[in-house]
PDB file of N, CA and C in Angstrom:
ATOM      1  N   MET A   1      22.789 -11.911  21.977  1.00  0.00           N
ATOM      2  CA  MET A   1      21.521 -11.219  21.878  1.00  0.00           C
ATOM      3  C   MET A   1      21.359 -10.749  20.449  1.00  0.00           C
ATOM      4  N   ARG A   2      20.156 -10.996  19.864  1.00  0.00           N
ATOM      5  CA  ARG A   2      19.888 -10.562  18.525  1.00  0.00           C
ATOM      6  C   ARG A   2      19.691  -9.045  18.405  1.00  0.00           C
ATOM      7  N   GLN A   3      20.337  -8.450  17.487  1.00  0.00           N
ATOM      8  CA  GLN A   3      20.224  -7.061  17.282  1.00  0.00           C
ATOM      9  C   GLN A   3      19.104  -6.732  16.256  1.00  0.00           C
ATOM     10  N   ARG A   4      18.158  -5.832  16.506  1.00  0.00           N
ATOM     11  CA  ARG A   4      17.093  -5.406  15.586  1.00  0.00           C
ATOM     12  C   ARG A   4      17.675  -4.790  14.442  1.00  0.00           C
ATOM     13  N   LEU A   5      17.052  -5.184  13.285  1.00  0.00           N
ATOM     14  CA  LEU A   5      17.366  -4.399  12.010  1.00  0.00           C
ATOM     15  C   LEU A   5      16.509  -3.291  11.931  1.00  0.00           C
ATOM     16  N   PRO A   6      16.919  -2.160  11.315  1.00  0.00           N
ATOM     17  CA  PRO A   6      16.130  -1.009  11.118  1.00  0.00           C
ATOM     18  C   PRO A   6      14.903  -1.389  10.286  1.00  0.00           C
ATOM     19  N   ARG A   7      13.760  -0.749  10.489  1.00  0.00           N
ATOM     20  CA  ARG A   7      12.544  -1.035   9.790  1.00  0.00           C
ATOM     21  C   ARG A   7      12.699  -0.338   8.393  1.00  0.00           C
ATOM     22  N   ALA A   8      12.405  -0.986   7.293  1.00  0.00           N
ATOM     23  CA  ALA A   8      12.449  -0.425   5.939  1.00  0.00           C
ATOM     24  C   ALA A   8      11.060   0.332   5.738  1.00  0.00           C
ATOM     25  N   ARG A   9      11.191   1.568   5.480  1.00  0.00           N
ATOM     26  CA  ARG A   9       9.889   2.331   5.191  1.00  0.00           C
ATOM     27  C   ARG A   9       9.886   2.645   3.722  1.00  0.00           C
ATOM     28  N   ASP A  10       8.622   2.586   3.230  1.00  0.00           N
ATOM     29  CA  ASP A  10       8.322   2.927   1.797  1.00  0.00           C
ATOM     30  C   ASP A  10       7.060   3.535   1.578  1.00  0.00           C
ATOM     31  N   GLU A  11       6.884   4.770   1.789  1.00  0.00           N
ATOM     32  CA  GLU A  11       5.627   5.532   1.705  1.00  0.00           C
ATOM     33  C   GLU A  11       4.976   5.284   0.363  1.00  0.00           C
ATOM     34  N   GLN A  12       5.681   5.339  -0.743  1.00  0.00           N
ATOM     35  CA  GLN A  12       5.047   5.041  -1.999  1.00  0.00           C
ATOM     36  C   GLN A  12       4.396   3.744  -2.169  1.00  0.00           C
ATOM     37  N   HIS A  13       5.031   2.666  -1.582  1.00  0.00           N
ATOM     38  CA  HIS A  13       4.384   1.303  -1.566  1.00  0.00           C
ATOM     39  C   HIS A  13       3.112   1.300  -0.691  1.00  0.00           C
ATOM     40  N   LEU A  14       3.191   1.994   0.470  1.00  0.00           N
ATOM     41  CA  LEU A  14       2.011   2.083   1.331  1.00  0.00           C
ATOM     42  C   LEU A  14       0.830   2.749   0.575  1.00  0.00           C
ATOM     43  N   GLN A  15       1.104   3.877  -0.137  1.00  0.00           N
ATOM     44  CA  GLN A  15       0.026   4.530  -0.866  1.00  0.00           C
ATOM     45  C   GLN A  15      -0.582   3.587  -1.922  1.00  0.00           C
ATOM     46  N   PHE A  16       0.312   2.778  -2.528  1.00  0.00           N
ATOM     47  CA  PHE A  16      -0.205   1.786  -3.576  1.00  0.00           C
ATOM     48  C   PHE A  16      -1.131   0.794  -2.865  1.00  0.00           C
ATOM     49  N   ILE A  17      -0.671   0.260  -1.690  1.00  0.00           N
ATOM     50  CA  ILE A  17      -1.518  -0.716  -0.979  1.00  0.00           C
ATOM     51  C   ILE A  17      -2.803  -0.121  -0.594  1.00  0.00           C
ATOM     52  N   ARG A  18      -2.799   1.100  -0.149  1.00  0.00           N
ATOM     53  CA  ARG A  18      -4.039   1.811   0.272  1.00  0.00           C
ATOM     54  C   ARG A  18      -5.006   2.071  -0.910  1.00  0.00           C
ATOM     55  N   SER A  19      -4.495   1.988  -2.132  1.00  0.00           N
ATOM     56  CA  SER A  19      -5.356   2.291  -3.325  1.00  0.00           C
ATOM     57  C   SER A  19      -6.099   1.006  -3.747  1.00  0.00           C
ATOM     58  N   LEU A  20      -5.773  -0.111  -3.156  1.00  0.00           N
ATOM     59  CA  LEU A  20      -6.421  -1.477  -3.483  1.00  0.00           C
ATOM     60  C   LEU A  20      -7.559  -1.702  -2.595  1.00  0.00           C
ATOM     61  N   GLN A  21      -8.457  -2.635  -3.042  1.00  0.00           N
ATOM     62  CA  GLN A  21      -9.535  -3.107  -2.197  1.00  0.00           C
ATOM     63  C   GLN A  21      -9.129  -3.996  -1.108  1.00  0.00           C
ATOM     64  N   CYS A  22      -9.853  -4.102  -0.012  1.00  0.00           N
ATOM     65  CA  CYS A  22      -9.641  -5.045   1.032  1.00  0.00           C
ATOM     66  C   CYS A  22      -9.534  -6.473   0.517  1.00  0.00           C
ATOM     67  N   VAL A  23      -8.479  -7.179   0.899  1.00  0.00           N
ATOM     68  CA  VAL A  23      -8.353  -8.509   0.377  1.00  0.00           C
ATOM     69  C   VAL A  23      -9.209  -9.563   1.122  1.00  0.00           C
ATOM     70  N   ARG A  24      -9.868  -9.109   2.220  1.00  0.00           N
ATOM     71  CA  ARG A  24     -10.781  -9.930   3.009  1.00  0.00           C
ATOM     72  C   ARG A  24     -12.254  -9.846   2.628  1.00  0.00           C
ATOM     73  N   CYS A  25     -12.688  -8.562   2.486  1.00  0.00           N
ATOM     74  CA  CYS A  25     -14.119  -8.429   2.189  1.00  0.00           C
ATOM     75  C   CYS A  25     -14.393  -7.669   0.942  1.00  0.00           C
ATOM     76  N   GLY A  26     -13.392  -7.063   0.307  1.00  0.00           N
ATOM     77  CA  GLY A  26     -13.616  -6.375  -0.998  1.00  0.00           C
ATOM     78  C   GLY A  26     -13.925  -4.899  -0.909  1.00  0.00           C
ATOM     79  N   ASP A  27     -14.080  -4.376   0.333  1.00  0.00           N
ATOM     80  CA  ASP A  27     -14.436  -2.969   0.467  1.00  0.00           C
ATOM     81  C   ASP A  27     -13.274  -2.110  -0.055  1.00  0.00           C
ATOM     82  N   ASP A  28     -13.629  -1.039  -0.796  1.00  0.00           N
ATOM     83  CA  ASP A  28     -12.484  -0.244  -1.414  1.00  0.00           C
ATOM     84  C   ASP A  28     -12.765   1.302  -1.006  1.00  0.00           C
ATOM     85  N   THR A  29     -13.433   1.496   0.066  1.00  0.00           N
ATOM     86  CA  THR A  29     -13.749   2.918   0.491  1.00  0.00           C
ATOM     87  C   THR A  29     -12.709   3.444   1.472  1.00  0.00           C
ATOM     88  N   ALA A  30     -12.156   2.656   2.349  1.00  0.00           N
ATOM     89  CA  ALA A  30     -11.227   3.192   3.361  1.00  0.00           C
ATOM     90  C   ALA A  30     -10.242   2.103   3.610  1.00  0.00           C
ATOM     91  N   THR A  31      -9.376   1.804   2.660  1.00  0.00           N
ATOM     92  CA  THR A  31      -8.374   0.779   2.812  1.00  0.00           C
ATOM     93  C   THR A  31      -7.169   1.282   3.537  1.00  0.00           C
ATOM     94  N   GLU A  32      -6.662   0.388   4.439  1.00  0.00           N
ATOM     95  CA  GLU A  32      -5.439   0.653   5.213  1.00  0.00           C
ATOM     96  C   GLU A  32      -4.366  -0.366   4.897  1.00  0.00           C
ATOM     97  N   ALA A  33      -3.068   0.030   5.054  1.00  0.00           N
ATOM     98  CA  ALA A  33      -2.011  -0.960   4.845  1.00  0.00           C
ATOM     99  C   ALA A  33      -1.760  -1.691   6.183  1.00  0.00           C
ATOM    100  N   ALA A  34      -2.034  -2.897   6.185  1.00  0.00           N
ATOM    101  CA  ALA A  34      -1.885  -3.732   7.428  1.00  0.00           C
ATOM    102  C   ALA A  34      -0.568  -4.517   7.342  1.00  0.00           C
ATOM    103  N   HIS A  35       0.288  -4.342   8.302  1.00  0.00           N
ATOM    104  CA  HIS A  35       1.603  -4.993   8.336  1.00  0.00           C
ATOM    105  C   HIS A  35       1.436  -6.438   8.864  1.00  0.00           C
ATOM    106  N   ILE A  36       2.103  -7.348   8.205  1.00  0.00           N
ATOM    107  CA  ILE A  36       2.032  -8.763   8.507  1.00  0.00           C
ATOM    108  C   ILE A  36       3.163  -9.114   9.482  1.00  0.00           C
ATOM    109  N   ARG A  37       2.794  -9.661  10.608  1.00  0.00           N
ATOM    110  CA  ARG A  37       3.770  -9.930  11.646  1.00  0.00           C
ATOM    111  C   ARG A  37       4.345 -11.394  11.603  1.00  0.00           C
ATOM    112  N   THR A  38       3.488 -12.346  10.995  1.00  0.00           N
ATOM    113  CA  THR A  38       3.821 -13.751  10.899  1.00  0.00           C
ATOM    114  C   THR A  38       5.047 -13.938  10.062  1.00  0.00           C
ATOM    115  N   ALA A  39       5.963 -14.837  10.433  1.00  0.00           N
ATOM    116  CA  ALA A  39       7.180 -15.139   9.694  1.00  0.00           C
ATOM    117  C   ALA A  39       6.899 -15.929   8.480  1.00  0.00           C
ATOM    118  N   ALA A  40       7.650 -15.701   7.421  1.00  0.00           N
ATOM    119  CA  ALA A  40       7.566 -16.451   6.144  1.00  0.00           C
ATOM    120  C   ALA A  40       9.034 -16.490   5.556  1.00  0.00           C
ATOM    121  N   LEU A  41       9.839 -17.367   6.127  1.00  0.00           N
ATOM    122  CA  LEU A  41      11.297 -17.408   5.856  1.00  0.00           C
ATOM    123  C   LEU A  41      11.555 -17.587   4.403  1.00  0.00           C
ATOM    124  N   GLU A  42      10.662 -18.317   3.629  1.00  0.00           N
ATOM    125  CA  GLU A  42      10.864 -18.503   2.163  1.00  0.00           C
ATOM    126  C   GLU A  42      10.756 -17.242   1.413  1.00  0.00           C
ATOM    127  N   TYR A  43      10.233 -16.163   1.976  1.00  0.00           N
ATOM    128  CA  TYR A  43      10.093 -14.921   1.378  1.00  0.00           C
ATOM    129  C   TYR A  43      11.024 -13.749   2.033  1.00  0.00           C
ATOM    130  N   GLY A  44      11.893 -14.234   2.941  1.00  0.00           N
ATOM    131  CA  GLY A  44      12.819 -13.344   3.674  1.00  0.00           C
ATOM    132  C   GLY A  44      12.123 -12.650   4.802  1.00  0.00           C
ATOM    133  N   LYS A  45      10.991 -13.076   5.215  1.00  0.00           N
ATOM    134  CA  LYS A  45      10.204 -12.434   6.333  1.00  0.00           C
ATOM    135  C   LYS A  45      10.470 -13.149   7.609  1.00  0.00           C
ATOM    136  N   ARG A  46      11.269 -12.485   8.496  1.00  0.00           N
ATOM    137  CA  ARG A  46      11.462 -13.119   9.792  1.00  0.00           C
ATOM    138  C   ARG A  46      10.408 -12.630  10.711  1.00  0.00           C
ATOM    139  N   HIS A  47      10.270 -13.367  11.857  1.00  0.00           N
ATOM    140  CA  HIS A  47       9.263 -13.068  12.865  1.00  0.00           C
ATOM    141  C   HIS A  47       9.662 -11.704  13.540  1.00  0.00           C
ATOM    142  N   THR A  48       8.644 -10.818  13.742  1.00  0.00           N
ATOM    143  CA  THR A  48       8.944  -9.629  14.449  1.00  0.00           C
ATOM    144  C   THR A  48       8.281  -9.671  15.861  1.00  0.00           C
ATOM    145  N   GLY A  49       8.911  -9.138  16.774  1.00  0.00           N
ATOM    146  CA  GLY A  49       8.446  -9.115  18.190  1.00  0.00           C
ATOM    147  C   GLY A  49       7.353  -8.082  18.401  1.00  0.00           C
ATOM    148  N   MET A  50       6.822  -8.151  19.582  1.00  0.00           N
ATOM    149  CA  MET A  50       5.637  -7.252  19.907  1.00  0.00           C
ATOM    150  C   MET A  50       5.977  -5.773  19.774  1.00  0.00           C
ATOM    151  N   ALA A  51       7.163  -5.372  20.102  1.00  0.00           N
ATOM    152  CA  ALA A  51       7.553  -3.947  20.057  1.00  0.00           C
ATOM    153  C   ALA A  51       8.234  -3.565  18.762  1.00  0.00           C
ATOM    154  N   GLU A  52       8.079  -4.381  17.739  1.00  0.00           N
ATOM    155  CA  GLU A  52       8.753  -4.174  16.568  1.00  0.00           C
ATOM    156  C   GLU A  52       7.782  -4.273  15.400  1.00  0.00           C
ATOM    157  N   LYS A  53       7.657  -3.224  14.509  1.00  0.00           N
ATOM    158  CA  LYS A  53       6.779  -3.307  13.391  1.00  0.00           C
ATOM    159  C   LYS A  53       7.598  -3.878  12.170  1.00  0.00           C
ATOM    160  N   PRO A  54       6.980  -4.703  11.348  1.00  0.00           N
ATOM    161  CA  PRO A  54       7.643  -5.216  10.124  1.00  0.00           C
ATOM    162  C   PRO A  54       7.908  -4.071   9.126  1.00  0.00           C
ATOM    163  N   SER A  55       8.764  -4.428   8.184  1.00  0.00           N
ATOM    164  CA  SER A  55       9.019  -3.489   7.064  1.00  0.00           C
ATOM    165  C   SER A  55       7.781  -3.260   6.292  1.00  0.00           C
ATOM    166  N   ASP A  56       7.725  -2.123   5.628  1.00  0.00           N
ATOM    167  CA  ASP A  56       6.491  -1.771   4.852  1.00  0.00           C
ATOM    168  C   ASP A  56       6.261  -2.605   3.676  1.00  0.00           C
ATOM    169  N   LYS A  57       7.277  -3.397   3.128  1.00  0.00           N
ATOM    170  CA  LYS A  57       7.012  -4.248   2.017  1.00  0.00           C
ATOM    171  C   LYS A  57       6.081  -5.454   2.451  1.00  0.00           C
ATOM    172  N   PHE A  58       6.007  -5.720   3.732  1.00  0.00           N
ATOM    173  CA  PHE A  58       5.163  -6.859   4.176  1.00  0.00           C
ATOM    174  C   PHE A  58       3.777  -6.291   4.667  1.00  0.00           C
ATOM    175  N   THR A  59       3.012  -5.796   3.739  1.00  0.00           N
ATOM    176  CA  THR A  59       1.683  -5.223   4.050  1.00  0.00           C
ATOM    177  C   THR A  59       0.634  -5.826   3.058  1.00  0.00           C
ATOM    178  N   VAL A  60      -0.566  -5.784   3.504  1.00  0.00           N
ATOM    179  CA  VAL A  60      -1.718  -6.191   2.683  1.00  0.00           C
ATOM    180  C   VAL A  60      -2.804  -5.119   2.808  1.00  0.00           C
ATOM    181  N   PRO A  61      -3.641  -4.985   1.794  1.00  0.00           N
ATOM    182  CA  PRO A  61      -4.756  -3.966   1.950  1.00  0.00           C
ATOM    183  C   PRO A  61      -5.857  -4.572   2.711  1.00  0.00           C
ATOM    184  N   LEU A  62      -6.304  -3.877   3.804  1.00  0.00           N
ATOM    185  CA  LEU A  62      -7.435  -4.267   4.580  1.00  0.00           C
ATOM    186  C   LEU A  62      -8.293  -3.042   4.899  1.00  0.00           C
ATOM    187  N   CYS A  63      -9.663  -3.194   4.864  1.00  0.00           N
ATOM    188  CA  CYS A  63     -10.406  -2.088   5.320  1.00  0.00           C
ATOM    189  C   CYS A  63     -10.300  -1.910   6.783  1.00  0.00           C
ATOM    190  N   GLY A  64     -10.735  -0.861   7.392  1.00  0.00           N
ATOM    191  CA  GLY A  64     -10.533  -0.580   8.815  1.00  0.00           C
ATOM    192  C   GLY A  64     -11.089  -1.704   9.688  1.00  0.00           C
ATOM    193  N   LYS A  65     -12.307  -2.171   9.403  1.00  0.00           N
ATOM    194  CA  LYS A  65     -12.986  -3.211  10.182  1.00  0.00           C
ATOM    195  C   LYS A  65     -12.149  -4.535  10.125  1.00  0.00           C
ATOM    196  N   CYS A  66     -11.667  -4.966   8.894  1.00  0.00           N
ATOM    197  CA  CYS A  66     -10.893  -6.157   8.838  1.00  0.00           C
ATOM    198  C   CYS A  66      -9.559  -6.082   9.466  1.00  0.00           C
ATOM    199  N   HIS A  67      -8.979  -4.821   9.433  1.00  0.00           N
ATOM    200  CA  HIS A  67      -7.719  -4.561  10.049  1.00  0.00           C
ATOM    201  C   HIS A  67      -7.713  -4.746  11.534  1.00  0.00           C
ATOM    202  N   ARG A  68      -8.828  -4.235  12.175  1.00  0.00           N
ATOM    203  CA  ARG A  68      -8.994  -4.382  13.565  1.00  0.00           C
ATOM    204  C   ARG A  68      -9.219  -5.830  13.979  1.00  0.00           C
ATOM    205  N   LEU A  69     -10.043  -6.595  13.081  1.00  0.00           N
ATOM    206  CA  LEU A  69     -10.302  -7.974  13.272  1.00  0.00           C
ATOM    207  C   LEU A  69      -8.957  -8.749  13.223  1.00  0.00           C
ATOM    208  N   GLN A  70      -8.011  -8.400  12.234  1.00  0.00           N
ATOM    209  CA  GLN A  70      -6.755  -9.058  12.132  1.00  0.00           C
ATOM    210  C   GLN A  70      -6.056  -9.118  13.380  1.00  0.00           C
ATOM    211  N   HIS A  71      -5.989  -8.071  14.170  1.00  0.00           N
ATOM    212  CA  HIS A  71      -5.332  -7.975  15.394  1.00  0.00           C
ATOM    213  C   HIS A  71      -5.825  -8.806  16.462  1.00  0.00           C
ATOM    214  N   ASP A  72      -7.114  -9.174  16.373  1.00  0.00           N
ATOM    215  CA  ASP A  72      -7.789 -10.054  17.365  1.00  0.00           C
ATOM    216  C   ASP A  72      -7.651 -11.507  16.929  1.00  0.00           C
ATOM    217  N   LEU A  73      -7.408 -11.893  15.755  1.00  0.00           N
ATOM    218  CA  LEU A  73      -7.320 -13.269  15.270  1.00  0.00           C
ATOM    219  C   LEU A  73      -5.876 -13.615  14.891  1.00  0.00           C
ATOM    220  N   ASN A  74      -5.740 -14.937  14.599  1.00  0.00           N
ATOM    221  CA  ASN A  74      -4.472 -15.330  14.079  1.00  0.00           C
ATOM    222  C   ASN A  74      -4.373 -14.882  12.626  1.00  0.00           C
ATOM    223  N   GLU A  75      -3.244 -14.308  12.195  1.00  0.00           N
ATOM    224  CA  GLU A  75      -3.045 -13.816  10.822  1.00  0.00           C
ATOM    225  C   GLU A  75      -3.184 -14.873   9.816  1.00  0.00           C
ATOM    226  N   THR A  76      -2.873 -16.095  10.125  1.00  0.00           N
ATOM    227  CA  THR A  76      -2.822 -17.145   9.085  1.00  0.00           C
ATOM    228  C   THR A  76      -4.195 -17.660   8.761  1.00  0.00           C
ATOM    229  N   THR A  77      -5.264 -17.256   9.484  1.00  0.00           N
ATOM    230  CA  THR A  77      -6.635 -17.760   9.127  1.00  0.00           C
ATOM    231  C   THR A  77      -7.370 -16.704   8.261  1.00  0.00           C
TER     232      THR A  77
END
């Protein structure tokens, strides 16, 4: 059975991500740090399960509306 690695947290990085504009629509009024769940082994990003949040380094800036939409759609689109 695979043992979970502890989630790497980085509040300074999250603050930086929140200072950027949304990568989907360009809104810069209420940006959130959205964690990416999709695996990308070439970048050292393994797949995370439903009860596991990815490390903070795997985040993108999204406005609240786009962040909610991301959870309803496939992240790769």
